[in-house]
């Protein structure tokens, strides 16, 4: 009975693994096409740059520097918006 029991357990584990694979494949198809990794990196880079500039803007008391940072933030916002529109 030992060999038969092991075979049954192996068969059950293979069935469960196959069911898990099918579920993962179903979930991937439902999620849609994978995002473009280059575009994703670019967008993430823009977000990080925006966060850094925003932090600098909050910390600087100089009017000229604040103006430059506000212009840079506006540029980044427009670039991010273009990315999302595509």
Protein backbone atom coordinates (compact mmCIF):
# COMPACT_ATOMS: atom_id res chain seq x y z
CA UNK A 1 0.00 0.00 0.00
CA UNK A 2 2.96 2.29 0.51
CA UNK A 3 3.75 2.56 -3.18
CA UNK A 4 0.12 3.06 -4.18
CA UNK A 5 -0.35 5.77 -1.54
CA UNK A 6 2.76 7.63 -2.68
CA UNK A 7 1.58 7.48 -6.30
CA UNK A 8 -1.79 8.91 -5.31
CA UNK A 9 -0.15 11.75 -3.36
CA UNK A 10 2.17 12.49 -6.31
CA UNK A 11 -0.77 12.54 -8.71
CA UNK A 12 -2.72 14.88 -6.44
CA UNK A 13 0.24 17.25 -6.13
CA UNK A 14 0.71 17.28 -9.92
CA UNK A 15 -2.98 18.03 -10.38
CA UNK A 16 -2.79 20.86 -7.85
CA UNK A 17 0.33 22.30 -9.53
CA UNK A 18 -1.42 22.21 -12.91
CA UNK A 19 -4.50 23.93 -11.46
CA UNK A 20 -2.25 26.62 -9.97
CA UNK A 21 -0.53 27.13 -13.34
CA UNK A 22 -3.88 27.48 -15.09
CA UNK A 23 -5.09 29.99 -12.47
CA UNK A 24 -1.92 32.08 -12.91
CA UNK A 25 -2.31 32.02 -16.69
CA UNK A 26 -5.96 33.06 -16.35
CA UNK A 27 -5.01 35.93 -14.05
CA UNK A 28 -2.29 37.13 -16.46
CA UNK A 29 -4.71 37.13 -19.38
CA UNK A 30 -7.29 39.04 -17.33
CA UNK A 31 -4.70 41.65 -16.36
CA UNK A 32 -4.16 42.56 -20.01
CA UNK A 33 -0.94 42.95 -21.89
CA UNK A 34 2.19 43.45 -19.83
CA UNK A 35 3.35 47.07 -19.57
CA UNK A 36 6.27 48.26 -21.65
CA UNK A 37 9.26 48.02 -19.27
CA UNK A 38 11.08 50.94 -20.90
CA UNK A 39 8.04 53.20 -20.65
CA UNK A 40 7.42 52.05 -17.08
CA UNK A 41 11.01 52.94 -16.08
CA UNK A 42 10.72 56.33 -17.78
CA UNK A 43 7.45 57.13 -16.03
CA UNK A 44 8.84 56.01 -12.68
CA UNK A 45 11.91 58.17 -13.25
CA UNK A 46 9.69 61.18 -13.95
CA UNK A 47 7.68 60.53 -10.78
CA UNK A 48 10.83 60.29 -8.67
CA UNK A 49 12.24 63.47 -10.20
CA UNK A 50 8.97 65.24 -9.46
CA UNK A 51 9.01 64.10 -5.84
CA UNK A 52 12.60 65.32 -5.47
CA UNK A 53 11.85 68.72 -7.00
CA UNK A 54 8.76 69.07 -4.82
CA UNK A 55 10.86 68.33 -1.74
CA UNK A 56 13.39 70.95 -2.82
CA UNK A 57 10.62 73.48 -3.44
CA UNK A 58 9.27 72.99 0.07
CA UNK A 59 12.72 73.50 1.58
CA UNK A 60 14.01 76.55 -0.31
CA UNK A 61 13.33 80.11 0.85
CA UNK A 62 14.87 81.80 -2.23
CA UNK A 63 12.33 83.28 -4.66
CA UNK A 64 14.45 82.77 -7.78
CA UNK A 65 15.11 79.13 -6.92
CA UNK A 66 11.41 78.60 -6.15
CA UNK A 67 10.51 79.97 -9.59
CA UNK A 68 12.96 77.64 -11.30
CA UNK A 69 11.64 74.65 -9.34
CA UNK A 70 8.02 75.55 -10.13
CA UNK A 71 8.85 75.72 -13.85
CA UNK A 72 10.65 72.38 -13.66
CA UNK A 73 7.66 70.85 -11.86
CA UNK A 74 5.30 72.18 -14.54
CA UNK A 75 7.51 70.63 -17.23
CA UNK A 76 7.57 67.29 -15.44
CA UNK A 77 3.80 67.39 -14.97
CA UNK A 78 3.28 67.94 -18.70
CA UNK A 79 5.68 65.09 -19.55
CA UNK A 80 3.89 62.76 -17.13
CA UNK A 81 0.52 63.76 -18.62
CA UNK A 82 1.82 62.99 -22.14
CA UNK A 83 2.99 59.59 -20.95
CA UNK A 84 -0.42 58.79 -19.51
CA UNK A 85 -2.19 59.98 -22.66
CA UNK A 86 -0.24 57.52 -24.81
